[in-house]
N, C-alpha and C. Protein backbone atom coordinates (compact mmCIF):
# COMPACT_ATOMS: atom_id res chain seq x y z
N MET A 1 0.84 -1.17 0.00
CA MET A 1 0.00 0.00 0.00
C MET A 1 0.88 1.24 0.00
N PRO A 2 0.49 2.25 -0.72
CA PRO A 2 1.30 3.46 -0.76
C PRO A 2 1.38 4.11 0.62
N GLY A 3 2.57 4.51 1.00
CA GLY A 3 2.76 5.22 2.25
C GLY A 3 3.02 4.33 3.45
N ILE A 4 2.92 3.01 3.30
CA ILE A 4 3.18 2.10 4.41
C ILE A 4 4.45 1.31 4.10
N ALA A 5 5.43 1.44 4.97
CA ALA A 5 6.72 0.78 4.76
C ALA A 5 6.56 -0.73 4.94
N PRO A 6 7.23 -1.54 4.10
CA PRO A 6 7.14 -2.99 4.21
C PRO A 6 7.62 -3.53 5.55
N ASP A 7 8.51 -2.80 6.25
CA ASP A 7 8.95 -3.29 7.56
C ASP A 7 7.89 -3.09 8.64
N VAL A 8 6.87 -2.27 8.36
CA VAL A 8 5.76 -2.08 9.29
C VAL A 8 4.77 -3.23 9.15
N ILE A 9 4.39 -3.54 7.92
CA ILE A 9 3.47 -4.65 7.67
C ILE A 9 3.71 -5.17 6.26
N SER A 10 3.65 -6.47 6.11
CA SER A 10 3.78 -7.08 4.80
C SER A 10 2.93 -8.36 4.78
N HIS A 11 2.70 -8.87 3.59
CA HIS A 11 1.84 -10.04 3.42
C HIS A 11 2.58 -11.06 2.56
N LYS A 12 2.52 -12.31 2.96
CA LYS A 12 3.17 -13.37 2.20
C LYS A 12 2.22 -14.56 2.09
N LEU A 13 2.11 -15.11 0.90
CA LEU A 13 1.27 -16.28 0.69
C LEU A 13 2.12 -17.54 0.84
N THR A 14 1.57 -18.54 1.50
CA THR A 14 2.26 -19.82 1.64
C THR A 14 1.62 -20.79 0.65
N ILE A 15 2.18 -20.84 -0.54
CA ILE A 15 1.63 -21.65 -1.62
C ILE A 15 2.28 -23.03 -1.61
N SER A 16 1.46 -24.05 -1.65
CA SER A 16 1.96 -25.43 -1.67
C SER A 16 2.72 -25.68 -2.96
N SER A 17 3.86 -26.34 -2.86
CA SER A 17 4.66 -26.66 -4.04
C SER A 17 4.00 -27.74 -4.90
N ALA A 18 2.96 -28.37 -4.37
CA ALA A 18 2.25 -29.41 -5.14
C ALA A 18 1.38 -28.82 -6.24
N TYR A 19 1.11 -27.53 -6.18
CA TYR A 19 0.25 -26.88 -7.17
C TYR A 19 1.08 -26.12 -8.19
N LYS A 20 0.68 -26.22 -9.44
CA LYS A 20 1.32 -25.45 -10.49
C LYS A 20 0.62 -24.09 -10.60
N PRO A 21 1.35 -23.04 -10.95
CA PRO A 21 0.72 -21.72 -11.12
C PRO A 21 -0.38 -21.77 -12.18
N VAL A 22 -1.44 -21.03 -11.93
CA VAL A 22 -2.60 -21.00 -12.83
C VAL A 22 -2.81 -19.59 -13.33
N ARG A 23 -2.88 -19.45 -14.64
CA ARG A 23 -3.27 -18.18 -15.25
C ARG A 23 -4.69 -18.36 -15.78
N GLN A 24 -5.63 -17.72 -15.14
CA GLN A 24 -7.02 -17.85 -15.58
C GLN A 24 -7.18 -17.24 -16.97
N LYS A 25 -8.07 -17.84 -17.74
CA LYS A 25 -8.34 -17.32 -19.08
C LYS A 25 -9.06 -15.98 -18.98
N ARG A 26 -8.78 -15.11 -19.91
CA ARG A 26 -9.39 -13.80 -19.91
C ARG A 26 -10.90 -13.91 -20.12
N ARG A 27 -11.65 -13.22 -19.28
CA ARG A 27 -13.10 -13.22 -19.40
C ARG A 27 -13.55 -12.06 -20.27
N SER A 28 -14.67 -12.25 -20.92
CA SER A 28 -15.24 -11.14 -21.70
C SER A 28 -16.41 -10.56 -20.91
N TYR A 29 -16.58 -9.25 -21.02
CA TYR A 29 -17.60 -8.54 -20.28
C TYR A 29 -18.43 -7.70 -21.23
N ASP A 30 -19.67 -7.40 -20.81
CA ASP A 30 -20.49 -6.49 -21.62
C ASP A 30 -19.94 -5.07 -21.45
N ALA A 31 -20.41 -4.16 -22.29
CA ALA A 31 -19.86 -2.79 -22.32
C ALA A 31 -20.01 -2.08 -20.99
N GLU A 32 -21.13 -2.27 -20.29
CA GLU A 32 -21.35 -1.58 -19.02
C GLU A 32 -20.35 -2.03 -17.95
N ARG A 33 -20.16 -3.33 -17.84
CA ARG A 33 -19.20 -3.86 -16.85
C ARG A 33 -17.77 -3.47 -17.21
N TYR A 34 -17.45 -3.54 -18.49
CA TYR A 34 -16.09 -3.19 -18.92
C TYR A 34 -15.78 -1.73 -18.60
N GLU A 35 -16.72 -0.85 -18.83
CA GLU A 35 -16.51 0.57 -18.55
C GLU A 35 -16.36 0.81 -17.05
N ALA A 36 -17.17 0.14 -16.23
CA ALA A 36 -17.05 0.27 -14.78
C ALA A 36 -15.69 -0.24 -14.30
N MET A 37 -15.22 -1.34 -14.89
CA MET A 37 -13.92 -1.90 -14.52
C MET A 37 -12.79 -0.96 -14.93
N ARG A 38 -12.87 -0.43 -16.14
CA ARG A 38 -11.83 0.48 -16.62
C ARG A 38 -11.74 1.72 -15.73
N THR A 39 -12.88 2.26 -15.34
CA THR A 39 -12.90 3.44 -14.47
C THR A 39 -12.26 3.14 -13.12
N GLU A 40 -12.59 1.99 -12.53
CA GLU A 40 -12.05 1.61 -11.23
C GLU A 40 -10.54 1.39 -11.30
N VAL A 41 -10.08 0.72 -12.35
CA VAL A 41 -8.64 0.47 -12.51
C VAL A 41 -7.88 1.78 -12.68
N GLU A 42 -8.40 2.69 -13.48
CA GLU A 42 -7.75 3.98 -13.67
C GLU A 42 -7.66 4.75 -12.36
N LYS A 43 -8.73 4.70 -11.56
CA LYS A 43 -8.74 5.39 -10.27
C LYS A 43 -7.67 4.82 -9.35
N LEU A 44 -7.57 3.48 -9.27
CA LEU A 44 -6.59 2.84 -8.39
C LEU A 44 -5.16 3.05 -8.88
N GLN A 45 -4.96 3.11 -10.20
CA GLN A 45 -3.62 3.39 -10.74
C GLN A 45 -3.21 4.84 -10.45
N THR A 46 -4.16 5.77 -10.56
CA THR A 46 -3.87 7.18 -10.33
C THR A 46 -3.39 7.44 -8.91
N ILE A 47 -4.00 6.77 -7.93
CA ILE A 47 -3.59 7.00 -6.54
C ILE A 47 -2.40 6.13 -6.14
N GLY A 48 -1.92 5.28 -7.06
CA GLY A 48 -0.74 4.47 -6.79
C GLY A 48 -1.02 3.21 -5.99
N PHE A 49 -2.27 2.80 -5.89
CA PHE A 49 -2.62 1.62 -5.11
C PHE A 49 -2.33 0.33 -5.87
N ILE A 50 -2.44 0.37 -7.20
CA ILE A 50 -2.11 -0.80 -8.02
C ILE A 50 -1.19 -0.37 -9.15
N ARG A 51 -0.51 -1.34 -9.72
CA ARG A 51 0.31 -1.08 -10.91
C ARG A 51 0.22 -2.30 -11.81
N GLU A 52 0.54 -2.10 -13.06
CA GLU A 52 0.46 -3.19 -14.02
C GLU A 52 1.56 -4.21 -13.73
N ALA A 53 1.18 -5.48 -13.74
CA ALA A 53 2.15 -6.56 -13.53
C ALA A 53 2.47 -7.18 -14.88
N THR A 54 3.75 -7.38 -15.15
CA THR A 54 4.15 -8.03 -16.39
C THR A 54 4.65 -9.43 -16.06
N TYR A 55 4.20 -10.38 -16.86
CA TYR A 55 4.57 -11.78 -16.70
C TYR A 55 4.27 -12.32 -15.30
N PRO A 56 3.04 -12.21 -14.85
CA PRO A 56 2.72 -12.74 -13.52
C PRO A 56 2.72 -14.26 -13.51
N VAL A 57 3.09 -14.83 -12.38
CA VAL A 57 3.09 -16.28 -12.24
C VAL A 57 1.66 -16.77 -12.03
N TRP A 58 0.93 -16.13 -11.15
CA TRP A 58 -0.48 -16.43 -10.91
C TRP A 58 -1.28 -15.26 -11.48
N LEU A 59 -2.36 -15.55 -12.17
CA LEU A 59 -3.18 -14.49 -12.75
C LEU A 59 -4.64 -14.77 -12.42
N ALA A 60 -5.28 -13.80 -11.72
CA ALA A 60 -6.68 -13.95 -11.33
C ALA A 60 -7.51 -12.88 -12.04
N ASN A 61 -8.67 -13.29 -12.51
CA ASN A 61 -9.56 -12.38 -13.22
C ASN A 61 -10.28 -11.43 -12.26
N SER A 62 -10.62 -10.27 -12.77
CA SER A 62 -11.50 -9.36 -12.06
C SER A 62 -12.93 -9.77 -12.37
N VAL A 63 -13.79 -9.62 -11.39
CA VAL A 63 -15.20 -9.95 -11.55
C VAL A 63 -16.00 -8.74 -11.09
N MET A 64 -16.94 -8.30 -11.91
CA MET A 64 -17.78 -7.16 -11.55
C MET A 64 -19.08 -7.67 -10.93
N VAL A 65 -19.37 -7.18 -9.72
CA VAL A 65 -20.55 -7.60 -8.98
C VAL A 65 -21.45 -6.39 -8.78
N ARG A 66 -22.74 -6.55 -9.05
CA ARG A 66 -23.69 -5.45 -8.91
C ARG A 66 -23.92 -5.13 -7.43
N LYS A 67 -23.80 -3.86 -7.07
CA LYS A 67 -24.07 -3.40 -5.71
C LYS A 67 -25.57 -3.15 -5.55
N SER A 68 -26.03 -3.11 -4.32
CA SER A 68 -27.45 -2.88 -4.07
C SER A 68 -27.87 -1.47 -4.50
N THR A 69 -26.91 -0.56 -4.60
CA THR A 69 -27.20 0.81 -5.02
C THR A 69 -27.28 0.94 -6.54
N GLY A 70 -26.98 -0.15 -7.26
CA GLY A 70 -27.04 -0.12 -8.72
C GLY A 70 -25.69 0.04 -9.37
N GLY A 71 -24.66 0.39 -8.60
CA GLY A 71 -23.32 0.52 -9.15
C GLY A 71 -22.63 -0.83 -9.25
N TRP A 72 -21.32 -0.79 -9.49
CA TRP A 72 -20.54 -2.02 -9.64
C TRP A 72 -19.42 -2.06 -8.61
N ARG A 73 -19.10 -3.26 -8.15
CA ARG A 73 -17.96 -3.48 -7.26
C ARG A 73 -17.02 -4.44 -7.97
N MET A 74 -15.73 -4.10 -8.00
CA MET A 74 -14.75 -4.96 -8.64
C MET A 74 -14.14 -5.89 -7.59
N CYS A 75 -14.21 -7.19 -7.85
CA CYS A 75 -13.65 -8.21 -6.97
C CYS A 75 -12.66 -9.04 -7.78
N GLN A 76 -11.85 -9.83 -7.10
CA GLN A 76 -10.89 -10.71 -7.76
C GLN A 76 -11.29 -12.17 -7.54
N ASP A 77 -11.13 -13.00 -8.56
CA ASP A 77 -11.44 -14.42 -8.47
C ASP A 77 -10.17 -15.18 -8.08
N TYR A 78 -9.99 -15.39 -6.79
CA TYR A 78 -8.79 -16.07 -6.28
C TYR A 78 -9.05 -17.55 -6.01
N THR A 79 -10.00 -18.17 -6.72
CA THR A 79 -10.37 -19.55 -6.49
C THR A 79 -9.16 -20.48 -6.60
N ASP A 80 -8.40 -20.37 -7.67
CA ASP A 80 -7.25 -21.25 -7.89
C ASP A 80 -6.15 -21.00 -6.86
N LEU A 81 -5.91 -19.75 -6.54
CA LEU A 81 -4.88 -19.41 -5.56
C LEU A 81 -5.26 -19.89 -4.17
N ASN A 82 -6.54 -19.77 -3.81
CA ASN A 82 -6.99 -20.26 -2.50
C ASN A 82 -6.78 -21.76 -2.36
N LYS A 83 -6.99 -22.50 -3.43
CA LYS A 83 -6.79 -23.95 -3.38
C LYS A 83 -5.32 -24.29 -3.13
N ALA A 84 -4.42 -23.48 -3.64
CA ALA A 84 -2.99 -23.77 -3.55
C ALA A 84 -2.35 -23.29 -2.25
N CYS A 85 -3.02 -22.43 -1.52
CA CYS A 85 -2.43 -21.90 -0.28
C CYS A 85 -2.58 -22.92 0.84
N ARG A 86 -1.47 -23.16 1.51
CA ARG A 86 -1.47 -24.08 2.64
C ARG A 86 -2.10 -23.40 3.85
N PRO A 87 -2.75 -24.15 4.70
CA PRO A 87 -3.30 -23.55 5.93
C PRO A 87 -2.19 -22.97 6.79
N ARG A 88 -2.44 -21.80 7.35
CA ARG A 88 -1.45 -21.15 8.20
C ARG A 88 -1.48 -21.69 9.61
N THR A 89 -2.62 -22.16 10.04
CA THR A 89 -2.77 -22.68 11.39
C THR A 89 -3.48 -24.02 11.32
N ALA A 90 -3.56 -24.69 12.45
CA ALA A 90 -4.27 -25.96 12.50
C ALA A 90 -5.77 -25.75 12.29
N ARG A 91 -6.24 -24.54 12.45
CA ARG A 91 -7.67 -24.27 12.31
C ARG A 91 -8.09 -24.07 10.87
N GLY A 92 -7.17 -23.87 9.98
CA GLY A 92 -7.56 -23.69 8.58
C GLY A 92 -6.88 -22.50 7.95
N ARG A 93 -7.34 -22.12 6.78
CA ARG A 93 -6.71 -21.08 5.98
C ARG A 93 -6.91 -19.68 6.52
N HIS A 94 -7.99 -19.45 7.20
CA HIS A 94 -8.35 -18.08 7.54
C HIS A 94 -7.81 -17.68 8.91
N CYS A 95 -7.57 -16.42 9.08
CA CYS A 95 -6.98 -15.94 10.33
C CYS A 95 -8.05 -15.41 11.28
N ARG A 96 -9.32 -15.50 10.95
CA ARG A 96 -10.37 -14.95 11.81
C ARG A 96 -10.34 -15.50 13.23
N PRO A 97 -10.17 -16.82 13.44
CA PRO A 97 -10.14 -17.29 14.83
C PRO A 97 -9.02 -16.64 15.63
N ARG A 98 -7.86 -16.46 15.03
CA ARG A 98 -6.74 -15.83 15.73
C ARG A 98 -7.05 -14.37 16.02
N THR A 99 -7.68 -13.69 15.07
CA THR A 99 -8.07 -12.31 15.27
C THR A 99 -9.06 -12.21 16.42
N ALA A 100 -9.99 -13.15 16.49
CA ALA A 100 -10.96 -13.16 17.58
C ALA A 100 -10.27 -13.35 18.92
N GLU A 101 -9.25 -14.22 18.96
CA GLU A 101 -8.50 -14.42 20.19
C GLU A 101 -7.80 -13.14 20.62
N LEU A 102 -7.15 -12.47 19.68
CA LEU A 102 -6.45 -11.23 20.00
C LEU A 102 -7.42 -10.16 20.47
N TYR A 103 -8.57 -10.08 19.82
CA TYR A 103 -9.58 -9.11 20.21
C TYR A 103 -10.08 -9.40 21.61
N GLY A 104 -10.26 -10.69 21.91
CA GLY A 104 -10.70 -11.09 23.25
C GLY A 104 -9.69 -10.70 24.30
N CYS A 105 -8.40 -10.84 23.98
CA CYS A 105 -7.34 -10.43 24.93
C CYS A 105 -7.39 -8.93 25.18
N LEU A 106 -7.68 -8.17 24.15
CA LEU A 106 -7.75 -6.72 24.32
C LEU A 106 -8.93 -6.33 25.21
N LEU A 107 -10.02 -7.05 25.10
CA LEU A 107 -11.20 -6.73 25.91
C LEU A 107 -10.96 -7.01 27.38
N ARG A 108 -10.07 -7.95 27.69
CA ARG A 108 -9.79 -8.29 29.09
C ARG A 108 -8.84 -7.33 29.76
N LEU A 109 -8.19 -6.45 29.02
CA LEU A 109 -7.23 -5.51 29.61
C LEU A 109 -7.88 -4.56 30.57
């Protein structure tokens, strides 16, 4: 993220070596979704939040989801990547239980 030093916080995926990298096939979108996606990407590039990746090992498609307000939300399809990530804890892939434990500790202070 722009403005946050990597020594403050960073993220690393633990991908199982048993899985081969997957590049999802490019999806086609109707004109309305494509325009909404293009606008969102330009906005994120302008503020420096994302940049174009060349020759990525893993490639996930963007998916446009209709919001209840009628607009569009851009999401990423990480289905293949999620399958390849090894569990970080004995509880599974997600860190929510650990977050709940930490939050509980804070409440007891």
